[in-house]
Amino acid sequence: MPTKQLMDFLDQKNIKYVVINHSSAYTASEIAASAHIKGQELAKTVMVKIDGKMNMVVLPAKYRINFDLLKKHTGSDAIELADEDEFTALFPDCLTGAMPPFGNIYGMKTFLDKTLTYDEEIAFNAGNHSQLIRLGFKDFLELVKPDISNFAAA
């Protein structure tokens, strides 16, 4: 089941969304294939520490973070991937690696790669490894208010 915190948040805001069930998958490419979604349309959440502070980075599943571009955008001196043991407790209702891209409901900033803005919908992990949520991209922007920039690399 998708996280209660996320479902309550979407329901309180009267957001229309679809829950997509798929067989258990852990990597972005496995999830996209299992759910029959193009890798470009599936958003993945990556946890990074920017100057020591935990942040959420959201980009297309088939891409990776270009740390130089993200550093330039944030004006930061130090950006590094967070270890699972550093962020797991921040998402008590999620399985590790399946966090939805809603940093705002978990008390952190969300950075979004601009390539995701080209689609009308966004799909992402629902807090577990067997479900996705798909909703309108405009709704996502309004709810999350992410910091948008180019920082993804193929």
N, C-alpha and C. Protein backbone atom coordinates (compact mmCIF):
# COMPACT_ATOMS: atom_id res chain seq x y z
N MET A 1 0.84 -1.18 0.00
CA MET A 1 0.00 0.00 0.00
C MET A 1 0.89 1.25 0.00
N PRO A 2 0.51 2.27 -0.78
CA PRO A 2 1.28 3.52 -0.76
C PRO A 2 1.31 4.09 0.65
N THR A 3 2.29 4.92 0.94
CA THR A 3 2.43 5.46 2.28
C THR A 3 1.19 6.24 2.69
N LYS A 4 0.80 6.08 3.93
CA LYS A 4 -0.38 6.77 4.45
C LYS A 4 -0.15 8.28 4.41
N GLN A 5 1.04 8.71 4.75
CA GLN A 5 1.35 10.15 4.77
C GLN A 5 1.15 10.76 3.38
N LEU A 6 1.63 10.09 2.36
CA LEU A 6 1.48 10.59 0.99
C LEU A 6 0.01 10.55 0.55
N MET A 7 -0.66 9.44 0.80
CA MET A 7 -2.06 9.30 0.39
C MET A 7 -2.93 10.36 1.09
N ASP A 8 -2.71 10.56 2.38
CA ASP A 8 -3.47 11.58 3.11
C ASP A 8 -3.22 12.96 2.52
N PHE A 9 -1.96 13.26 2.22
CA PHE A 9 -1.59 14.55 1.65
C PHE A 9 -2.29 14.77 0.31
N LEU A 10 -2.24 13.79 -0.58
CA LEU A 10 -2.88 13.92 -1.90
C LEU A 10 -4.39 14.02 -1.76
N ASP A 11 -4.97 13.21 -0.89
CA ASP A 11 -6.43 13.24 -0.70
C ASP A 11 -6.89 14.57 -0.10
N GLN A 12 -6.16 15.10 0.87
CA GLN A 12 -6.52 16.39 1.47
C GLN A 12 -6.49 17.52 0.46
N LYS A 13 -5.61 17.41 -0.53
CA LYS A 13 -5.47 18.44 -1.57
C LYS A 13 -6.39 18.17 -2.75
N ASN A 14 -7.21 17.11 -2.66
CA ASN A 14 -8.14 16.72 -3.73
C ASN A 14 -7.43 16.49 -5.07
N ILE A 15 -6.29 15.81 -5.01
CA ILE A 15 -5.50 15.52 -6.21
C ILE A 15 -5.94 14.19 -6.80
N LYS A 16 -6.14 14.18 -8.10
CA LYS A 16 -6.47 12.94 -8.80
C LYS A 16 -5.15 12.22 -9.09
N TYR A 17 -5.10 10.94 -8.78
CA TYR A 17 -3.91 10.13 -9.00
C TYR A 17 -4.32 8.69 -9.25
N VAL A 18 -3.39 7.92 -9.77
CA VAL A 18 -3.60 6.51 -10.03
C VAL A 18 -2.49 5.73 -9.34
N VAL A 19 -2.84 4.66 -8.67
CA VAL A 19 -1.85 3.75 -8.09
C VAL A 19 -1.64 2.63 -9.09
N ILE A 20 -0.39 2.41 -9.45
CA ILE A 20 -0.03 1.37 -10.42
C ILE A 20 0.68 0.25 -9.67
N ASN A 21 0.10 -0.94 -9.69
CA ASN A 21 0.73 -2.11 -9.07
C ASN A 21 1.65 -2.77 -10.09
N HIS A 22 2.79 -3.23 -9.61
CA HIS A 22 3.73 -3.95 -10.47
C HIS A 22 4.45 -4.99 -9.64
N SER A 23 5.09 -5.93 -10.31
CA SER A 23 5.83 -6.93 -9.55
C SER A 23 7.01 -6.26 -8.85
N SER A 24 7.45 -6.85 -7.77
CA SER A 24 8.53 -6.25 -6.98
C SER A 24 9.73 -5.94 -7.86
N ALA A 25 10.22 -4.71 -7.72
CA ALA A 25 11.37 -4.26 -8.49
C ALA A 25 12.10 -3.22 -7.66
N TYR A 26 13.42 -3.15 -7.83
CA TYR A 26 14.22 -2.29 -6.96
C TYR A 26 14.99 -1.22 -7.71
N THR A 27 15.42 -1.49 -8.92
CA THR A 27 16.12 -0.46 -9.68
C THR A 27 15.13 0.28 -10.55
N ALA A 28 15.48 1.49 -10.91
CA ALA A 28 14.58 2.31 -11.73
C ALA A 28 14.25 1.62 -13.05
N SER A 29 15.23 1.00 -13.68
CA SER A 29 14.95 0.35 -14.97
C SER A 29 14.04 -0.86 -14.79
N GLU A 30 14.22 -1.62 -13.70
CA GLU A 30 13.34 -2.76 -13.42
C GLU A 30 11.91 -2.28 -13.17
N ILE A 31 11.77 -1.20 -12.42
CA ILE A 31 10.45 -0.66 -12.10
C ILE A 31 9.74 -0.20 -13.37
N ALA A 32 10.46 0.55 -14.21
CA ALA A 32 9.88 1.04 -15.46
C ALA A 32 9.41 -0.12 -16.33
N ALA A 33 10.23 -1.15 -16.44
CA ALA A 33 9.86 -2.30 -17.26
C ALA A 33 8.67 -3.05 -16.65
N SER A 34 8.69 -3.25 -15.35
CA SER A 34 7.63 -3.99 -14.67
C SER A 34 6.29 -3.26 -14.76
N ALA A 35 6.34 -1.93 -14.69
CA ALA A 35 5.11 -1.13 -14.72
C ALA A 35 4.74 -0.68 -16.13
N HIS A 36 5.55 -1.05 -17.12
CA HIS A 36 5.32 -0.67 -18.52
C HIS A 36 5.29 0.85 -18.69
N ILE A 37 6.28 1.51 -18.09
CA ILE A 37 6.42 2.96 -18.18
C ILE A 37 7.80 3.25 -18.77
N LYS A 38 7.86 4.22 -19.68
CA LYS A 38 9.14 4.62 -20.25
C LYS A 38 10.02 5.18 -19.14
N GLY A 39 11.33 4.88 -19.20
CA GLY A 39 12.27 5.37 -18.21
C GLY A 39 12.27 6.87 -18.08
N GLN A 40 11.96 7.58 -19.17
CA GLN A 40 11.91 9.04 -19.14
C GLN A 40 10.74 9.55 -18.31
N GLU A 41 9.66 8.78 -18.25
CA GLU A 41 8.46 9.20 -17.55
C GLU A 41 8.47 8.84 -16.07
N LEU A 42 9.35 7.95 -15.67
CA LEU A 42 9.44 7.53 -14.28
C LEU A 42 10.47 8.38 -13.55
N ALA A 43 10.04 9.00 -12.48
CA ALA A 43 10.94 9.83 -11.68
C ALA A 43 11.54 8.99 -10.56
N LYS A 44 12.84 9.15 -10.34
CA LYS A 44 13.46 8.48 -9.21
C LYS A 44 13.93 9.52 -8.21
N THR A 45 13.94 9.11 -6.96
CA THR A 45 14.35 9.98 -5.87
C THR A 45 15.72 9.54 -5.38
N VAL A 46 16.63 10.49 -5.32
CA VAL A 46 17.98 10.22 -4.84
C VAL A 46 18.25 11.16 -3.67
N MET A 47 18.79 10.62 -2.60
CA MET A 47 19.08 11.43 -1.42
C MET A 47 20.54 11.89 -1.47
N VAL A 48 20.72 13.20 -1.30
CA VAL A 48 22.06 13.78 -1.30
C VAL A 48 22.22 14.71 -0.10
N LYS A 49 23.46 14.88 0.30
CA LYS A 49 23.77 15.86 1.33
C LYS A 49 24.42 17.05 0.63
N ILE A 50 23.82 18.21 0.82
CA ILE A 50 24.35 19.46 0.25
C ILE A 50 24.86 20.27 1.43
N ASP A 51 26.17 20.46 1.43
CA ASP A 51 26.83 21.13 2.57
C ASP A 51 26.38 20.50 3.90
N GLY A 52 26.28 19.18 3.91
CA GLY A 52 25.95 18.43 5.11
C GLY A 52 24.48 18.28 5.43
N LYS A 53 23.61 18.95 4.67
CA LYS A 53 22.17 18.90 4.93
C LYS A 53 21.48 17.96 3.93
N MET A 54 20.55 17.13 4.44
CA MET A 54 19.85 16.16 3.60
C MET A 54 18.87 16.85 2.65
N ASN A 55 18.92 16.45 1.38
CA ASN A 55 18.04 16.98 0.35
C ASN A 55 17.59 15.84 -0.55
N MET A 56 16.48 16.08 -1.24
CA MET A 56 15.93 15.11 -2.18
C MET A 56 16.17 15.63 -3.59
N VAL A 57 16.69 14.75 -4.44
CA VAL A 57 16.92 15.09 -5.84
C VAL A 57 16.06 14.15 -6.67
N VAL A 58 15.30 14.72 -7.61
CA VAL A 58 14.37 13.93 -8.42
C VAL A 58 14.75 14.11 -9.89
N LEU A 59 14.92 12.99 -10.58
CA LEU A 59 15.31 13.03 -11.98
C LEU A 59 14.74 11.82 -12.70
N PRO A 60 14.75 11.84 -14.04
CA PRO A 60 14.24 10.69 -14.77
C PRO A 60 15.01 9.42 -14.39
N ALA A 61 14.31 8.31 -14.32
CA ALA A 61 14.88 7.06 -13.86
C ALA A 61 16.12 6.64 -14.64
N LYS A 62 16.18 6.95 -15.91
CA LYS A 62 17.29 6.48 -16.73
C LYS A 62 18.52 7.40 -16.66
N TYR A 63 18.46 8.46 -15.88
CA TYR A 63 19.56 9.40 -15.77
C TYR A 63 20.28 9.29 -14.43
N ARG A 64 21.42 9.95 -14.35
CA ARG A 64 22.17 10.05 -13.10
C ARG A 64 22.41 11.53 -12.82
N ILE A 65 22.82 11.84 -11.62
CA ILE A 65 23.08 13.23 -11.24
C ILE A 65 24.45 13.68 -11.75
N ASN A 66 24.47 14.85 -12.37
CA ASN A 66 25.74 15.51 -12.70
C ASN A 66 26.03 16.42 -11.52
N PHE A 67 26.92 16.00 -10.65
CA PHE A 67 27.18 16.72 -9.42
C PHE A 67 27.77 18.10 -9.67
N ASP A 68 28.53 18.26 -10.74
CA ASP A 68 29.09 19.59 -11.05
C ASP A 68 27.97 20.59 -11.36
N LEU A 69 26.97 20.15 -12.14
CA LEU A 69 25.85 21.04 -12.46
C LEU A 69 25.02 21.35 -11.22
N LEU A 70 24.81 20.35 -10.37
CA LEU A 70 24.03 20.58 -9.15
C LEU A 70 24.79 21.51 -8.20
N LYS A 71 26.10 21.35 -8.10
CA LYS A 71 26.90 22.25 -7.27
C LYS A 71 26.80 23.68 -7.78
N LYS A 72 26.90 23.83 -9.10
CA LYS A 72 26.81 25.16 -9.69
C LYS A 72 25.45 25.79 -9.40
N HIS A 73 24.39 25.01 -9.55
CA HIS A 73 23.04 25.54 -9.32
C HIS A 73 22.84 25.95 -7.86
N THR A 74 23.32 25.14 -6.94
CA THR A 74 23.09 25.40 -5.51
C THR A 74 24.12 26.35 -4.91
N GLY A 75 25.23 26.54 -5.61
CA GLY A 75 26.31 27.36 -5.06
C GLY A 75 27.01 26.66 -3.90
N SER A 76 26.88 25.36 -3.87
CA SER A 76 27.42 24.56 -2.77
C SER A 76 28.86 24.14 -3.04
N ASP A 77 29.60 23.95 -1.97
CA ASP A 77 30.96 23.45 -2.08
C ASP A 77 31.00 21.93 -2.02
N ALA A 78 30.04 21.34 -1.31
CA ALA A 78 30.08 19.90 -1.09
C ALA A 78 28.72 19.26 -1.30
N ILE A 79 28.65 18.36 -2.27
CA ILE A 79 27.44 17.56 -2.49
C ILE A 79 27.88 16.11 -2.61
N GLU A 80 27.21 15.25 -1.87
CA GLU A 80 27.55 13.83 -1.93
C GLU A 80 26.29 12.99 -1.76
N LEU A 81 26.33 11.79 -2.31
CA LEU A 81 25.22 10.86 -2.10
C LEU A 81 25.14 10.52 -0.62
N ALA A 82 23.93 10.43 -0.12
CA ALA A 82 23.72 10.05 1.28
C ALA A 82 23.71 8.53 1.37
N ASP A 83 24.25 8.01 2.44
CA ASP A 83 24.19 6.57 2.71
C ASP A 83 22.80 6.24 3.23
N GLU A 84 22.34 5.03 2.94
CA GLU A 84 21.01 4.62 3.38
C GLU A 84 20.82 4.79 4.88
N ASP A 85 21.83 4.49 5.66
CA ASP A 85 21.67 4.60 7.11
C ASP A 85 21.54 6.05 7.58
N GLU A 86 21.86 7.00 6.71
CA GLU A 86 21.74 8.41 7.05
C GLU A 86 20.33 8.95 6.82
N PHE A 87 19.55 8.30 5.95
CA PHE A 87 18.22 8.84 5.64
C PHE A 87 17.05 7.90 5.90
N THR A 88 17.29 6.65 6.12
CA THR A 88 16.19 5.70 6.29
C THR A 88 15.21 6.14 7.38
N ALA A 89 15.71 6.63 8.50
CA ALA A 89 14.85 7.04 9.61
C ALA A 89 13.99 8.26 9.26
N LEU A 90 14.37 9.02 8.23
CA LEU A 90 13.60 10.19 7.83
C LEU A 90 12.30 9.80 7.11
N PHE A 91 12.22 8.54 6.68
CA PHE A 91 11.07 8.04 5.93
C PHE A 91 10.51 6.79 6.62
N PRO A 92 9.96 6.95 7.82
CA PRO A 92 9.52 5.77 8.59
C PRO A 92 8.41 4.98 7.93
N ASP A 93 7.68 5.59 7.02
CA ASP A 93 6.57 4.89 6.37
C ASP A 93 6.94 4.34 4.99
N CYS A 94 8.23 4.43 4.63
CA CYS A 94 8.69 3.98 3.32
C CYS A 94 9.72 2.87 3.44
N LEU A 95 9.74 2.01 2.44
CA LEU A 95 10.83 1.05 2.34
C LEU A 95 12.04 1.78 1.79
N THR A 96 13.22 1.38 2.21
CA THR A 96 14.44 2.03 1.77
C THR A 96 14.55 2.00 0.25
N GLY A 97 14.80 3.16 -0.32
CA GLY A 97 14.94 3.28 -1.77
C GLY A 97 13.64 3.49 -2.51
N ALA A 98 12.53 3.58 -1.80
CA ALA A 98 11.22 3.73 -2.46
C ALA A 98 10.51 5.01 -2.05
N MET A 99 11.28 6.02 -1.66
CA MET A 99 10.69 7.26 -1.17
C MET A 99 10.03 8.02 -2.32
N PRO A 100 8.81 8.54 -2.10
CA PRO A 100 8.17 9.38 -3.12
C PRO A 100 8.86 10.74 -3.16
N PRO A 101 8.82 11.43 -4.29
CA PRO A 101 9.56 12.70 -4.45
C PRO A 101 8.86 13.92 -3.84
N PHE A 102 8.47 13.79 -2.59
CA PHE A 102 7.78 14.86 -1.88
C PHE A 102 8.60 15.27 -0.67
N GLY A 103 9.74 15.91 -0.90
CA GLY A 103 10.58 16.34 0.20
C GLY A 103 9.84 17.22 1.18
N ASN A 104 8.89 17.99 0.68
CA ASN A 104 8.15 18.91 1.54
C ASN A 104 7.38 18.21 2.65
N ILE A 105 6.87 17.01 2.41
CA ILE A 105 6.13 16.33 3.48
C ILE A 105 7.07 15.60 4.43
N TYR A 106 8.35 15.54 4.07
CA TYR A 106 9.34 14.92 4.94
C TYR A 106 10.33 15.95 5.49
N GLY A 107 10.02 17.23 5.32
CA GLY A 107 10.82 18.29 5.92
C GLY A 107 12.14 18.59 5.26
N MET A 108 12.20 18.42 3.94
CA MET A 108 13.44 18.74 3.23
C MET A 108 13.16 19.35 1.87
N LYS A 109 14.17 19.98 1.32
CA LYS A 109 14.07 20.62 0.01
C LYS A 109 14.11 19.56 -1.08
N THR A 110 13.37 19.82 -2.16
CA THR A 110 13.33 18.93 -3.32
C THR A 110 13.89 19.65 -4.53
N PHE A 111 14.88 19.05 -5.16
CA PHE A 111 15.44 19.55 -6.41
C PHE A 111 14.93 18.64 -7.53
N LEU A 112 14.45 19.24 -8.61
CA LEU A 112 13.86 18.50 -9.72
C LEU A 112 14.61 18.82 -11.00
N ASP A 113 14.98 17.78 -11.74
CA ASP A 113 15.62 18.03 -13.02
C ASP A 113 14.60 18.50 -14.05
N LYS A 114 15.00 19.48 -14.83
CA LYS A 114 14.09 20.13 -15.78
C LYS A 114 13.52 19.17 -16.82
N THR A 115 14.22 18.10 -17.15
CA THR A 115 13.72 17.18 -18.17
C THR A 115 12.37 16.56 -17.77
N LEU A 116 12.09 16.48 -16.49
CA LEU A 116 10.80 15.94 -16.06
C LEU A 116 9.63 16.89 -16.33
N THR A 117 9.94 18.16 -16.57
CA THR A 117 8.87 19.15 -16.80
C THR A 117 8.27 19.03 -18.19
N TYR A 118 8.84 18.22 -19.06
CA TYR A 118 8.36 18.11 -20.44
C TYR A 118 7.16 17.18 -20.58
N ASP A 119 6.86 16.40 -19.54
CA ASP A 119 5.74 15.46 -19.59
C ASP A 119 4.53 16.03 -18.86
N GLU A 120 3.36 15.59 -19.25
CA GLU A 120 2.13 16.04 -18.61
C GLU A 120 1.85 15.31 -17.31
N GLU A 121 2.48 14.14 -17.15
CA GLU A 121 2.29 13.34 -15.94
C GLU A 121 3.64 12.96 -15.37
N ILE A 122 3.63 12.57 -14.11
CA ILE A 122 4.82 12.08 -13.44
C ILE A 122 4.44 10.81 -12.69
N ALA A 123 5.31 9.82 -12.74
CA ALA A 123 5.10 8.57 -12.02
C ALA A 123 6.31 8.36 -11.11
N PHE A 124 6.05 7.80 -9.91
CA PHE A 124 7.13 7.66 -8.94
C PHE A 124 6.77 6.58 -7.93
N ASN A 125 7.79 6.11 -7.19
CA ASN A 125 7.57 5.11 -6.15
C ASN A 125 6.58 5.63 -5.12
N ALA A 126 5.76 4.71 -4.64
CA ALA A 126 4.71 5.06 -3.67
C ALA A 126 5.11 4.70 -2.24
N GLY A 127 6.41 4.53 -2.00
CA GLY A 127 6.88 4.19 -0.67
C GLY A 127 7.18 2.72 -0.48
N ASN A 128 6.98 1.94 -1.55
CA ASN A 128 7.29 0.51 -1.51
C ASN A 128 7.88 0.10 -2.85
N HIS A 129 8.18 -1.18 -3.00
CA HIS A 129 8.82 -1.65 -4.23
C HIS A 129 7.87 -2.36 -5.19
N SER A 130 6.56 -2.18 -4.98
CA SER A 130 5.61 -2.83 -5.88
C SER A 130 4.46 -1.92 -6.32
N GLN A 131 4.58 -0.62 -6.04
CA GLN A 131 3.54 0.31 -6.48
C GLN A 131 4.15 1.66 -6.87
N LEU A 132 3.52 2.25 -7.87
CA LEU A 132 3.85 3.61 -8.29
C LEU A 132 2.61 4.46 -8.15
N ILE A 133 2.82 5.74 -8.12
CA ILE A 133 1.72 6.69 -8.20
C ILE A 133 1.97 7.54 -9.43
N ARG A 134 0.90 7.78 -10.20
CA ARG A 134 0.97 8.66 -11.37
C ARG A 134 -0.04 9.78 -11.15
N LEU A 135 0.43 11.00 -11.37
CA LEU A 135 -0.47 12.14 -11.26
C LEU A 135 -0.03 13.21 -12.25
N GLY A 136 -0.86 14.22 -12.40
CA GLY A 136 -0.56 15.30 -13.31
C GLY A 136 0.67 16.08 -12.86
N PHE A 137 1.53 16.43 -13.81
CA PHE A 137 2.75 17.12 -13.45
C PHE A 137 2.47 18.50 -12.85
N LYS A 138 1.46 19.18 -13.37
CA LYS A 138 1.13 20.50 -12.81
C LYS A 138 0.71 20.38 -11.34
N ASP A 139 -0.02 19.32 -11.01
CA ASP A 139 -0.39 19.08 -9.61
C ASP A 139 0.86 18.85 -8.77
N PHE A 140 1.78 18.04 -9.29
CA PHE A 140 3.03 17.77 -8.57
C PHE A 140 3.78 19.07 -8.29
N LEU A 141 3.91 19.93 -9.31
CA LEU A 141 4.61 21.20 -9.13
C LEU A 141 3.96 22.06 -8.05
N GLU A 142 2.64 22.12 -8.09
CA GLU A 142 1.91 22.94 -7.12
C GLU A 142 2.08 22.40 -5.70
N LEU A 143 2.09 21.09 -5.55
CA LEU A 143 2.19 20.48 -4.23
C LEU A 143 3.60 20.55 -3.64
N VAL A 144 4.59 20.29 -4.46
CA VAL A 144 5.97 20.15 -3.97
C VAL A 144 6.76 21.45 -4.05
N LYS A 145 6.48 22.25 -5.07
CA LYS A 145 7.22 23.49 -5.32
C LYS A 145 8.74 23.23 -5.32
N PRO A 146 9.17 22.32 -6.20
CA PRO A 146 10.59 21.96 -6.22
C PRO A 146 11.45 23.07 -6.82
N ASP A 147 12.72 23.00 -6.53
CA ASP A 147 13.73 23.87 -7.13
C ASP A 147 14.12 23.17 -8.44
N ILE A 148 13.82 23.79 -9.59
CA ILE A 148 14.02 23.16 -10.89
C ILE A 148 15.29 23.67 -11.56
N SER A 149 16.07 22.73 -12.07
CA SER A 149 17.32 23.06 -12.76
C SER A 149 17.73 21.89 -13.65
N ASN A 150 18.76 22.11 -14.45
CA ASN A 150 19.34 21.02 -15.26
C ASN A 150 20.52 20.43 -14.51
N PHE A 151 20.40 19.18 -14.11
CA PHE A 151 21.52 18.52 -13.45
C PHE A 151 21.58 17.02 -13.73
N ALA A 152 20.76 16.54 -14.67
CA ALA A 152 20.76 15.13 -15.02
C ALA A 152 21.69 14.85 -16.19
N ALA A 153 22.30 13.70 -16.18
CA ALA A 153 23.17 13.25 -17.25
C ALA A 153 22.79 11.83 -17.66
N ALA A 154 22.88 11.56 -18.94
CA ALA A 154 22.53 10.22 -19.44
C ALA A 154 23.58 9.20 -19.07
